[in-house]
């Protein structure tokens, strides 16, 4: 299976390079792709991605089996998506309408969603009048964070450096640095220590 996976990685390379070139996203050093991600970039938005990116978009690329390809999306002309060096993600979505900043050496588990928008207003009248005008607030994920599979990171949160978010968590509030947090809504469970 490893040979087949490597073959698929190599074969997806030209299409992936073309997708990033057409979106106007500069190609970084040491990027690795397993399958072809989906890039939905507003032509006037800003996307900056560091070196050593790894995106896994096909089920065979990870034992957890992504539900869909990785999706990177900026939906407005002033939207910003900034991703540091050494970022890895399996079959998830990052959707920025305002600004999402992800630090260095952040790993994101399978099928996680990171978004800075509600997508739609909460009140019925507002939804009917302006269905795509949801509230937004920037998201910051600091260096060395690990986010477990099938988590949901919502607008306006900061996840502190080197924290770990448990699988299936819904992060609605800030998480301090150096902790393990989990649940719906995610809460701090304990401090991290050097043994784990």
N, C-alpha and C. Protein backbone atom coordinates (compact mmCIF):
# COMPACT_ATOMS: atom_id res chain seq x y z
N UNK A 1 0.81 -1.20 0.00
CA UNK A 1 0.00 0.00 0.00
C UNK A 1 0.85 1.26 0.00
N UNK A 2 2.05 1.17 0.59
CA UNK A 2 2.92 2.35 0.62
C UNK A 2 3.40 2.74 -0.78
N UNK A 3 3.66 1.73 -1.61
CA UNK A 3 4.09 2.02 -2.99
C UNK A 3 2.95 2.70 -3.75
N UNK A 4 1.73 2.18 -3.59
CA UNK A 4 0.57 2.79 -4.27
C UNK A 4 0.36 4.23 -3.79
N UNK A 5 0.51 4.44 -2.48
CA UNK A 5 0.34 5.78 -1.92
C UNK A 5 1.37 6.75 -2.50
N UNK A 6 2.62 6.31 -2.57
CA UNK A 6 3.67 7.17 -3.12
C UNK A 6 3.42 7.46 -4.60
N UNK A 7 2.94 6.46 -5.33
CA UNK A 7 2.61 6.66 -6.75
C UNK A 7 1.50 7.69 -6.90
N UNK A 8 0.46 7.60 -6.08
CA UNK A 8 -0.63 8.57 -6.16
C UNK A 8 -0.14 9.97 -5.80
N UNK A 9 0.77 10.05 -4.82
CA UNK A 9 1.32 11.35 -4.44
C UNK A 9 2.05 11.98 -5.62
N UNK A 10 2.87 11.19 -6.29
CA UNK A 10 3.65 11.70 -7.43
C UNK A 10 2.72 12.10 -8.58
N UNK A 11 1.71 11.28 -8.85
CA UNK A 11 0.80 11.56 -9.96
C UNK A 11 -0.08 12.80 -9.70
N UNK A 12 -0.37 13.09 -8.44
CA UNK A 12 -1.21 14.26 -8.14
C UNK A 12 -0.42 15.56 -8.16
N UNK A 13 0.90 15.47 -8.18
CA UNK A 13 1.77 16.64 -8.10
C UNK A 13 1.49 17.69 -9.17
N UNK A 14 1.44 17.35 -10.48
CA UNK A 14 1.22 18.39 -11.49
C UNK A 14 -0.11 19.13 -11.32
N UNK A 15 -1.19 18.41 -11.02
CA UNK A 15 -2.49 19.05 -10.83
C UNK A 15 -2.46 19.98 -9.62
N UNK A 16 -1.83 19.54 -8.55
CA UNK A 16 -1.76 20.35 -7.33
C UNK A 16 -0.97 21.63 -7.59
N UNK A 17 0.15 21.51 -8.28
CA UNK A 17 0.95 22.70 -8.60
C UNK A 17 0.14 23.68 -9.45
N UNK A 18 -0.63 23.16 -10.39
CA UNK A 18 -1.46 24.01 -11.25
C UNK A 18 -2.53 24.73 -10.43
N UNK A 19 -3.18 24.02 -9.52
CA UNK A 19 -4.23 24.62 -8.69
C UNK A 19 -3.67 25.77 -7.87
N UNK A 20 -2.51 25.57 -7.24
CA UNK A 20 -1.91 26.64 -6.44
C UNK A 20 -1.45 27.81 -7.32
N UNK A 21 -0.92 27.51 -8.49
CA UNK A 21 -0.48 28.57 -9.40
C UNK A 21 -1.67 29.41 -9.87
N UNK A 22 -2.76 28.76 -10.24
CA UNK A 22 -3.95 29.49 -10.69
C UNK A 22 -4.55 30.34 -9.58
N UNK A 23 -4.40 29.89 -8.34
CA UNK A 23 -4.90 30.66 -7.20
C UNK A 23 -3.95 31.78 -6.79
N UNK A 24 -2.75 31.79 -7.37
CA UNK A 24 -1.78 32.83 -7.04
C UNK A 24 -1.11 32.62 -5.69
N UNK A 25 -1.00 31.37 -5.26
CA UNK A 25 -0.36 31.04 -3.99
C UNK A 25 1.06 30.56 -4.27
N UNK A 26 2.08 31.27 -3.77
CA UNK A 26 3.46 30.87 -4.02
C UNK A 26 3.75 29.47 -3.48
N UNK A 27 4.49 28.70 -4.26
CA UNK A 27 4.83 27.32 -3.91
C UNK A 27 5.97 27.31 -2.90
N UNK A 28 5.80 26.56 -1.81
CA UNK A 28 6.81 26.51 -0.76
C UNK A 28 7.77 25.35 -0.91
N UNK A 29 8.85 25.41 -0.16
CA UNK A 29 9.87 24.35 -0.16
C UNK A 29 9.38 23.15 0.66
N UNK A 30 9.59 21.95 0.13
CA UNK A 30 9.29 20.74 0.88
C UNK A 30 7.82 20.42 1.04
N UNK A 31 6.98 20.96 0.17
CA UNK A 31 5.55 20.65 0.26
C UNK A 31 5.30 19.22 -0.19
N UNK A 32 4.37 18.53 0.51
CA UNK A 32 3.99 17.16 0.17
C UNK A 32 2.46 17.06 0.16
N UNK A 33 1.95 16.42 -0.88
CA UNK A 33 0.50 16.26 -1.03
C UNK A 33 0.19 14.81 -1.31
N UNK A 34 -0.83 14.29 -0.65
CA UNK A 34 -1.36 12.96 -0.91
C UNK A 34 -2.79 13.19 -1.40
N UNK A 35 -2.96 13.13 -2.71
CA UNK A 35 -4.22 13.53 -3.32
C UNK A 35 -4.22 15.03 -3.58
N UNK A 36 -5.24 15.48 -4.26
CA UNK A 36 -5.33 16.88 -4.68
C UNK A 36 -6.27 17.64 -3.75
N UNK A 37 -5.78 18.69 -3.09
CA UNK A 37 -6.65 19.49 -2.23
C UNK A 37 -7.56 20.39 -3.07
N UNK A 38 -8.56 20.95 -2.42
CA UNK A 38 -9.45 21.92 -3.05
C UNK A 38 -9.05 23.31 -2.54
N UNK A 39 -8.78 24.22 -3.48
CA UNK A 39 -8.41 25.59 -3.12
C UNK A 39 -9.47 26.52 -3.67
N UNK A 40 -10.17 27.22 -2.77
CA UNK A 40 -11.23 28.17 -3.14
C UNK A 40 -10.78 29.55 -2.65
N UNK A 41 -9.94 30.20 -3.42
CA UNK A 41 -9.36 31.47 -2.99
C UNK A 41 -10.02 32.63 -3.73
N UNK A 42 -10.57 33.59 -2.96
CA UNK A 42 -11.04 34.82 -3.59
C UNK A 42 -9.83 35.48 -4.24
N UNK A 43 -9.96 35.96 -5.44
CA UNK A 43 -8.79 36.43 -6.20
C UNK A 43 -8.07 37.60 -5.54
N UNK A 44 -8.75 38.38 -4.69
CA UNK A 44 -8.08 39.50 -4.03
C UNK A 44 -7.71 39.20 -2.58
N UNK A 45 -7.97 38.00 -2.13
CA UNK A 45 -7.62 37.64 -0.75
C UNK A 45 -6.13 37.29 -0.66
N UNK A 46 -5.66 37.09 0.57
CA UNK A 46 -4.25 36.79 0.81
C UNK A 46 -4.12 35.40 1.41
N UNK A 47 -3.29 34.57 0.79
CA UNK A 47 -2.95 33.25 1.34
C UNK A 47 -1.44 33.12 1.35
N UNK A 48 -0.88 32.90 2.54
CA UNK A 48 0.57 32.71 2.70
C UNK A 48 0.77 31.40 3.44
N UNK A 49 1.57 30.50 2.86
CA UNK A 49 1.81 29.19 3.46
C UNK A 49 3.31 28.96 3.53
N UNK A 50 3.79 28.52 4.69
CA UNK A 50 5.21 28.29 4.90
C UNK A 50 5.71 27.00 4.26
N UNK A 51 6.96 26.70 4.52
CA UNK A 51 7.61 25.50 3.98
C UNK A 51 7.15 24.24 4.72
N UNK A 52 7.45 23.09 4.08
CA UNK A 52 7.20 21.77 4.68
C UNK A 52 5.73 21.53 5.03
N UNK A 53 4.85 21.98 4.14
CA UNK A 53 3.42 21.73 4.23
C UNK A 53 3.14 20.27 3.88
N UNK A 54 2.22 19.63 4.58
CA UNK A 54 1.78 18.28 4.21
C UNK A 54 0.27 18.19 4.33
N UNK A 55 -0.40 17.94 3.19
CA UNK A 55 -1.85 17.82 3.15
C UNK A 55 -2.21 16.43 2.64
N UNK A 56 -3.10 15.76 3.37
CA UNK A 56 -3.53 14.40 3.00
C UNK A 56 -5.01 14.46 2.63
N UNK A 57 -5.29 14.18 1.36
CA UNK A 57 -6.65 14.37 0.83
C UNK A 57 -7.28 13.09 0.31
N UNK A 58 -6.64 11.95 0.48
CA UNK A 58 -7.22 10.69 0.02
C UNK A 58 -7.28 9.70 1.18
N UNK A 59 -8.30 8.85 1.21
CA UNK A 59 -8.48 7.92 2.34
C UNK A 59 -7.28 7.04 2.61
N UNK A 60 -6.58 6.59 1.59
CA UNK A 60 -5.46 5.67 1.78
C UNK A 60 -4.24 6.34 2.41
N UNK A 61 -4.25 7.66 2.53
CA UNK A 61 -3.07 8.38 3.02
C UNK A 61 -2.98 8.43 4.54
N UNK A 62 -4.03 8.00 5.22
CA UNK A 62 -4.05 8.08 6.68
C UNK A 62 -5.00 7.01 7.20
N UNK A 63 -4.62 6.36 8.28
CA UNK A 63 -5.45 5.29 8.83
C UNK A 63 -6.83 5.78 9.27
N UNK A 64 -6.96 7.08 9.55
CA UNK A 64 -8.24 7.65 9.96
C UNK A 64 -9.19 7.87 8.79
N UNK A 65 -8.65 7.86 7.56
CA UNK A 65 -9.47 7.99 6.37
C UNK A 65 -10.23 9.29 6.26
N UNK A 66 -9.65 10.30 5.59
CA UNK A 66 -10.36 11.57 5.43
C UNK A 66 -11.67 11.38 4.69
N UNK A 67 -12.69 12.16 5.11
CA UNK A 67 -14.00 12.11 4.46
C UNK A 67 -14.00 12.83 3.12
N UNK A 68 -13.12 13.81 2.96
CA UNK A 68 -13.04 14.59 1.72
C UNK A 68 -11.64 15.18 1.62
N UNK A 69 -11.28 15.72 0.46
CA UNK A 69 -9.97 16.37 0.35
C UNK A 69 -9.85 17.55 1.30
N UNK A 70 -8.62 17.93 1.60
CA UNK A 70 -8.39 19.16 2.34
C UNK A 70 -8.95 20.32 1.52
N UNK A 71 -9.65 21.24 2.20
CA UNK A 71 -10.20 22.43 1.55
C UNK A 71 -9.59 23.66 2.21
N UNK A 72 -8.99 24.52 1.39
CA UNK A 72 -8.47 25.81 1.84
C UNK A 72 -9.32 26.87 1.14
N UNK A 73 -10.00 27.72 1.93
CA UNK A 73 -10.96 28.64 1.35
C UNK A 73 -10.83 30.04 1.96
N UNK A 74 -10.76 31.04 1.09
CA UNK A 74 -10.89 32.44 1.50
C UNK A 74 -12.07 33.00 0.71
N UNK A 75 -13.06 33.53 1.42
CA UNK A 75 -14.34 33.83 0.79
C UNK A 75 -14.59 35.30 0.50
N UNK A 76 -13.71 36.18 0.96
CA UNK A 76 -13.92 37.61 0.74
C UNK A 76 -12.62 38.23 0.23
N UNK A 77 -12.71 39.41 -0.41
CA UNK A 77 -11.50 40.03 -0.96
C UNK A 77 -10.48 40.42 0.10
N UNK A 78 -10.92 40.73 1.31
CA UNK A 78 -9.98 41.13 2.35
C UNK A 78 -9.62 39.98 3.30
N UNK A 79 -10.05 38.77 2.99
CA UNK A 79 -9.75 37.62 3.84
C UNK A 79 -8.27 37.29 3.81
N UNK A 80 -7.76 36.79 4.95
CA UNK A 80 -6.36 36.39 5.04
C UNK A 80 -6.27 35.00 5.67
N UNK A 81 -5.46 34.15 5.06
CA UNK A 81 -5.12 32.84 5.61
C UNK A 81 -3.61 32.75 5.63
N UNK A 82 -3.05 32.68 6.84
CA UNK A 82 -1.59 32.62 7.01
C UNK A 82 -1.27 31.34 7.76
N UNK A 83 -0.45 30.49 7.14
CA UNK A 83 -0.08 29.20 7.72
C UNK A 83 1.44 29.15 7.80
N UNK A 84 1.97 28.79 8.96
CA UNK A 84 3.41 28.74 9.18
C UNK A 84 4.07 27.50 8.60
N UNK A 85 5.34 27.32 8.95
CA UNK A 85 6.13 26.18 8.48
C UNK A 85 5.71 24.90 9.20
N UNK A 86 5.86 23.77 8.50
CA UNK A 86 5.64 22.47 9.12
C UNK A 86 4.20 22.16 9.45
N UNK A 87 3.26 22.70 8.69
CA UNK A 87 1.83 22.46 8.93
C UNK A 87 1.40 21.15 8.28
N UNK A 88 0.59 20.37 9.00
CA UNK A 88 0.04 19.14 8.44
C UNK A 88 -1.44 19.02 8.73
N UNK A 89 -2.20 18.54 7.73
CA UNK A 89 -3.65 18.38 7.89
C UNK A 89 -4.12 17.19 7.06
N UNK A 90 -5.09 16.46 7.60
CA UNK A 90 -5.69 15.33 6.90
C UNK A 90 -7.16 15.61 6.68
N UNK A 91 -7.56 15.74 5.43
CA UNK A 91 -8.96 15.81 5.03
C UNK A 91 -9.84 16.76 5.82
N UNK A 92 -9.40 17.94 6.09
CA UNK A 92 -10.20 18.91 6.83
C UNK A 92 -10.45 20.16 6.00
N UNK A 93 -11.02 21.17 6.66
CA UNK A 93 -11.36 22.42 5.99
C UNK A 93 -10.85 23.60 6.81
N UNK A 94 -10.25 24.57 6.13
CA UNK A 94 -9.93 25.86 6.73
C UNK A 94 -10.64 26.91 5.89
N UNK A 95 -11.55 27.66 6.51
CA UNK A 95 -12.35 28.64 5.79
C UNK A 95 -12.23 30.00 6.45
N UNK A 96 -11.64 30.96 5.73
CA UNK A 96 -11.42 32.30 6.26
C UNK A 96 -12.27 33.32 5.51
N UNK A 97 -13.07 34.08 6.27
CA UNK A 97 -13.74 35.26 5.73
C UNK A 97 -13.08 36.53 6.23
N UNK A 98 -12.43 36.45 7.38
CA UNK A 98 -11.71 37.60 7.94
C UNK A 98 -10.22 37.27 8.00
N UNK A 99 -9.79 36.53 9.05
CA UNK A 99 -8.37 36.19 9.16
C UNK A 99 -8.18 34.95 10.03
N UNK A 100 -7.43 34.00 9.49
CA UNK A 100 -6.99 32.83 10.25
C UNK A 100 -5.48 32.79 10.19
N UNK A 101 -4.85 32.74 11.36
CA UNK A 101 -3.40 32.68 11.46
C UNK A 101 -3.02 31.39 12.18
N UNK A 102 -2.20 30.58 11.53
CA UNK A 102 -1.76 29.30 12.09
C UNK A 102 -0.24 29.33 12.18
N UNK A 103 0.31 29.03 13.34
CA UNK A 103 1.74 29.12 13.58
C UNK A 103 2.52 27.96 12.97
N UNK A 104 3.77 27.85 13.40
CA UNK A 104 4.67 26.81 12.92
C UNK A 104 4.41 25.48 13.63
N UNK A 105 4.62 24.40 12.90
CA UNK A 105 4.57 23.03 13.44
C UNK A 105 3.22 22.72 14.09
N UNK A 106 2.17 23.11 13.41
CA UNK A 106 0.80 22.79 13.85
C UNK A 106 0.33 21.57 13.07
N UNK A 107 -0.21 20.60 13.78
CA UNK A 107 -0.77 19.40 13.15
C UNK A 107 -2.26 19.35 13.43
N UNK A 108 -3.02 19.03 12.39
CA UNK A 108 -4.48 19.02 12.49
C UNK A 108 -4.97 17.64 12.08
N UNK A 109 -5.67 16.95 12.99
CA UNK A 109 -6.17 15.61 12.76
C UNK A 109 -7.29 15.55 11.73
N UNK A 110 -7.57 14.34 11.30
CA UNK A 110 -8.50 14.08 10.22
C UNK A 110 -9.86 14.72 10.38
N UNK A 111 -10.32 15.35 9.31
CA UNK A 111 -11.69 15.84 9.17
C UNK A 111 -12.04 16.97 10.13
N UNK A 112 -11.06 17.74 10.53
CA UNK A 112 -11.27 18.90 11.40
C UNK A 112 -11.68 20.11 10.56
N UNK A 113 -12.47 21.00 11.15
CA UNK A 113 -12.88 22.24 10.48
C UNK A 113 -12.40 23.42 11.32
N UNK A 114 -11.76 24.38 10.65
CA UNK A 114 -11.32 25.63 11.28
C UNK A 114 -11.97 26.76 10.50
N UNK A 115 -12.75 27.60 11.18
CA UNK A 115 -13.44 28.69 10.48
C UNK A 115 -13.54 29.93 11.36
N UNK A 116 -13.50 31.08 10.72
CA UNK A 116 -13.62 32.35 11.44
C UNK A 116 -14.97 33.01 11.22
N UNK A 117 -15.95 32.25 10.77
CA UNK A 117 -17.25 32.82 10.43
C UNK A 117 -18.40 31.91 10.87
N UNK A 118 -19.54 32.53 11.14
CA UNK A 118 -20.78 31.77 11.39
C UNK A 118 -21.46 31.40 10.07
N UNK A 119 -21.00 31.94 8.96
CA UNK A 119 -21.55 31.73 7.62
C UNK A 119 -22.90 32.41 7.42
N UNK A 120 -23.80 32.31 8.38
CA UNK A 120 -25.14 32.89 8.26
C UNK A 120 -25.49 33.65 9.54
N UNK A 121 -26.32 34.70 9.43
CA UNK A 121 -26.80 35.37 10.65
C UNK A 121 -27.64 34.41 11.50
N UNK A 122 -27.71 34.69 12.78
CA UNK A 122 -28.50 33.84 13.68
C UNK A 122 -29.99 34.17 13.64
N UNK A 123 -30.33 35.44 13.60
CA UNK A 123 -31.74 35.85 13.61
C UNK A 123 -32.39 35.55 12.25
N UNK A 124 -33.62 35.06 12.29
CA UNK A 124 -34.33 34.68 11.07
C UNK A 124 -34.43 35.83 10.09
N UNK A 125 -34.81 37.03 10.56
CA UNK A 125 -34.98 38.17 9.66
C UNK A 125 -33.67 38.49 8.94
N UNK A 126 -32.58 38.45 9.68
CA UNK A 126 -31.27 38.73 9.08
C UNK A 126 -30.87 37.64 8.10
N UNK A 127 -31.17 36.38 8.43
CA UNK A 127 -30.85 35.27 7.51
C UNK A 127 -31.61 35.42 6.20
N UNK A 128 -32.87 35.85 6.29
CA UNK A 128 -33.67 36.01 5.07
C UNK A 128 -33.19 37.20 4.25
N UNK A 129 -32.80 38.28 4.92
CA UNK A 129 -32.38 39.50 4.21
C UNK A 129 -30.94 39.39 3.69
N UNK A 130 -30.05 38.82 4.49
CA UNK A 130 -28.63 38.73 4.14
C UNK A 130 -28.11 37.34 4.50
N UNK A 131 -28.46 36.32 3.73
CA UNK A 131 -28.18 34.94 4.14
C UNK A 131 -26.69 34.59 4.27
N UNK A 132 -25.82 35.34 3.64
CA UNK A 132 -24.39 35.02 3.70
C UNK A 132 -23.60 36.00 4.55
N UNK A 133 -24.28 36.74 5.41
CA UNK A 133 -23.64 37.79 6.20
C UNK A 133 -23.52 37.39 7.67
N UNK A 134 -22.85 36.26 7.93
CA UNK A 134 -22.65 35.80 9.30
C UNK A 134 -21.56 36.57 10.00
N UNK A 135 -21.59 36.53 11.32
CA UNK A 135 -20.56 37.19 12.13
C UNK A 135 -19.20 36.53 11.90
N UNK A 136 -18.14 37.35 11.95
CA UNK A 136 -16.78 36.84 11.80
C UNK A 136 -15.91 37.37 12.94
N UNK A 137 -14.84 36.64 13.23
CA UNK A 137 -13.83 37.07 14.20
C UNK A 137 -12.58 36.25 13.94
N UNK A 138 -11.39 36.86 14.03
CA UNK A 138 -10.15 36.16 13.68
C UNK A 138 -9.89 34.94 14.56
N UNK A 139 -9.22 33.97 13.98
CA UNK A 139 -8.77 32.76 14.68
C UNK A 139 -7.25 32.75 14.68
N UNK A 140 -6.66 32.44 15.84
CA UNK A 140 -5.20 32.31 15.95
C UNK A 140 -4.89 30.96 16.57
N UNK A 141 -4.08 30.18 15.88
CA UNK A 141 -3.59 28.91 16.40
C UNK A 141 -2.07 29.04 16.48
N UNK A 142 -1.54 29.06 17.70
CA UNK A 142 -0.13 29.36 17.90
C UNK A 142 0.77 28.15 17.61
N UNK A 143 2.08 28.37 17.66
CA UNK A 143 3.07 27.35 17.32
C UNK A 143 2.89 26.07 18.12
N UNK A 144 3.11 24.93 17.44
CA UNK A 144 3.19 23.65 18.11
C UNK A 144 1.88 23.07 18.60
N UNK A 145 0.76 23.60 18.17
CA UNK A 145 -0.54 23.07 18.59
C UNK A 145 -0.84 21.77 17.84
N UNK A 146 -1.46 20.83 18.53
CA UNK A 146 -1.96 19.61 17.91
C UNK A 146 -3.47 19.55 18.13
N UNK A 147 -4.22 19.41 17.04
CA UNK A 147 -5.69 19.36 17.10
C UNK A 147 -6.12 17.96 16.69
N UNK A 148 -6.83 17.27 17.60
CA UNK A 148 -7.29 15.92 17.33
C UNK A 148 -8.36 15.87 16.26
N UNK A 149 -8.54 14.68 15.71
CA UNK A 149 -9.46 14.48 14.58
C UNK A 149 -10.89 14.91 14.90
N UNK A 150 -11.57 15.32 13.85
CA UNK A 150 -12.98 15.69 13.87
C UNK A 150 -13.32 16.76 14.90
N UNK A 151 -12.39 17.69 15.07
CA UNK A 151 -12.65 18.84 15.95
C UNK A 151 -13.20 20.00 15.12
N UNK A 152 -13.80 20.96 15.82
CA UNK A 152 -14.36 22.15 15.19
C UNK A 152 -13.82 23.36 15.93
N UNK A 153 -13.07 24.21 15.22
CA UNK A 153 -12.49 25.42 15.78
C UNK A 153 -13.31 26.59 15.24
N UNK A 154 -13.99 27.31 16.14
CA UNK A 154 -14.92 28.35 15.71
C UNK A 154 -14.33 29.75 15.82
N UNK A 155 -15.04 30.70 15.28
CA UNK A 155 -14.58 32.08 15.15
C UNK A 155 -14.15 32.68 16.49
N UNK A 156 -13.16 33.58 16.40
CA UNK A 156 -12.78 34.40 17.54
C UNK A 156 -11.93 33.74 18.60
N UNK A 157 -11.41 32.53 18.34
CA UNK A 157 -10.64 31.85 19.38
C UNK A 157 -9.14 31.93 19.11
N UNK A 158 -8.38 31.87 20.20
CA UNK A 158 -6.94 31.69 20.15
C UNK A 158 -6.61 30.41 20.89
N UNK A 159 -5.83 29.55 20.26
CA UNK A 159 -5.33 28.34 20.91
C UNK A 159 -3.86 28.57 21.18
N UNK A 160 -3.48 28.55 22.45
CA UNK A 160 -2.13 28.88 22.87
C UNK A 160 -1.09 27.86 22.44
N UNK A 161 0.15 28.30 22.37
CA UNK A 161 1.27 27.49 21.88
C UNK A 161 1.35 26.14 22.59
N UNK A 162 1.60 25.11 21.80
CA UNK A 162 1.86 23.75 22.24
C UNK A 162 0.70 23.08 22.96
N UNK A 163 -0.49 23.64 22.87
CA UNK A 163 -1.65 22.99 23.47
C UNK A 163 -2.13 21.85 22.58
N UNK A 164 -2.85 20.92 23.19
CA UNK A 164 -3.42 19.77 22.49
C UNK A 164 -4.93 19.83 22.65
N UNK A 165 -5.64 19.72 21.53
CA UNK A 165 -7.10 19.72 21.53
C UNK A 165 -7.55 18.28 21.27
N UNK A 166 -8.33 17.72 22.19
CA UNK A 166 -8.78 16.33 22.07
C UNK A 166 -9.69 16.11 20.89
N UNK A 167 -9.70 14.89 20.39
CA UNK A 167 -10.53 14.53 19.24
C UNK A 167 -11.99 14.85 19.51
N UNK A 168 -12.66 15.35 18.48
CA UNK A 168 -14.09 15.63 18.55
C UNK A 168 -14.47 16.86 19.35
N UNK A 169 -13.49 17.70 19.66
CA UNK A 169 -13.77 18.89 20.48
C UNK A 169 -14.39 20.01 19.65
N UNK A 170 -15.15 20.87 20.33
CA UNK A 170 -15.68 22.09 19.73
C UNK A 170 -15.09 23.25 20.51
N UNK A 171 -14.19 24.00 19.87
CA UNK A 171 -13.48 25.08 20.55
C UNK A 171 -14.22 26.38 20.28
N UNK A 172 -14.83 26.93 21.34
CA UNK A 172 -15.62 28.16 21.23
C UNK A 172 -15.01 29.32 22.00
N UNK A 173 -14.01 29.04 22.84
CA UNK A 173 -13.34 30.06 23.65
C UNK A 173 -11.83 29.84 23.59
N UNK A 174 -11.08 30.85 24.02
CA UNK A 174 -9.63 30.76 24.00
C UNK A 174 -9.14 29.60 24.86
N UNK A 175 -8.05 28.97 24.40
CA UNK A 175 -7.38 27.90 25.13
C UNK A 175 -5.97 28.40 25.45
N UNK A 176 -5.54 28.35 26.71
CA UNK A 176 -4.22 28.87 27.06
C UNK A 176 -3.10 27.98 26.53
N UNK A 177 -1.87 28.46 26.55
CA UNK A 177 -0.73 27.66 26.09
C UNK A 177 -0.47 26.46 27.00
N UNK A 178 0.07 25.39 26.40
CA UNK A 178 0.59 24.28 27.17
C UNK A 178 -0.40 23.45 27.95
N UNK A 179 -1.61 23.28 27.40
CA UNK A 179 -2.63 22.50 28.11
C UNK A 179 -3.23 21.46 27.17
N UNK A 180 -3.93 20.50 27.78
CA UNK A 180 -4.80 19.60 27.03
C UNK A 180 -6.23 20.08 27.28
N UNK A 181 -6.97 20.28 26.19
CA UNK A 181 -8.36 20.71 26.29
C UNK A 181 -9.21 19.80 25.42
N UNK A 182 -10.43 19.52 25.87
CA UNK A 182 -11.31 18.65 25.10
C UNK A 182 -12.75 18.90 25.51
N UNK A 183 -13.66 18.42 24.66
CA UNK A 183 -15.08 18.47 24.98
C UNK A 183 -15.86 19.41 24.10
N UNK A 184 -17.17 19.49 24.39
CA UNK A 184 -18.08 20.38 23.67
C UNK A 184 -18.92 21.13 24.70
N UNK A 185 -18.56 22.38 24.99
CA UNK A 185 -17.41 23.13 24.46
C UNK A 185 -16.10 22.66 25.10
N UNK A 186 -15.00 22.89 24.39
CA UNK A 186 -13.69 22.45 24.89
C UNK A 186 -13.33 23.19 26.17
N UNK A 187 -12.85 22.42 27.15
CA UNK A 187 -12.40 22.98 28.43
C UNK A 187 -11.02 22.41 28.74
N UNK A 188 -10.25 23.15 29.52
CA UNK A 188 -8.93 22.67 29.91
C UNK A 188 -9.09 21.47 30.83
N UNK A 189 -8.38 20.39 30.50
CA UNK A 189 -8.39 19.19 31.32
C UNK A 189 -7.20 19.19 32.27
N UNK A 190 -6.03 19.52 31.73
CA UNK A 190 -4.84 19.59 32.59
C UNK A 190 -3.71 20.27 31.83
N UNK A 191 -2.68 20.62 32.58
CA UNK A 191 -1.45 21.15 31.99
C UNK A 191 -0.67 20.02 31.33
N UNK A 192 0.03 20.35 30.27
CA UNK A 192 0.96 19.38 29.67
C UNK A 192 2.23 19.35 30.49
N UNK A 193 2.88 18.19 30.50
CA UNK A 193 4.20 18.12 31.13
C UNK A 193 5.16 17.44 30.17
N UNK A 194 6.43 17.40 30.53
CA UNK A 194 7.47 16.89 29.62
C UNK A 194 7.40 15.38 29.42
N UNK A 195 6.65 14.66 30.24
CA UNK A 195 6.61 13.20 30.13
C UNK A 195 5.74 12.73 28.98
N UNK A 196 4.83 13.54 28.49
CA UNK A 196 3.89 13.08 27.47
C UNK A 196 4.11 13.76 26.16
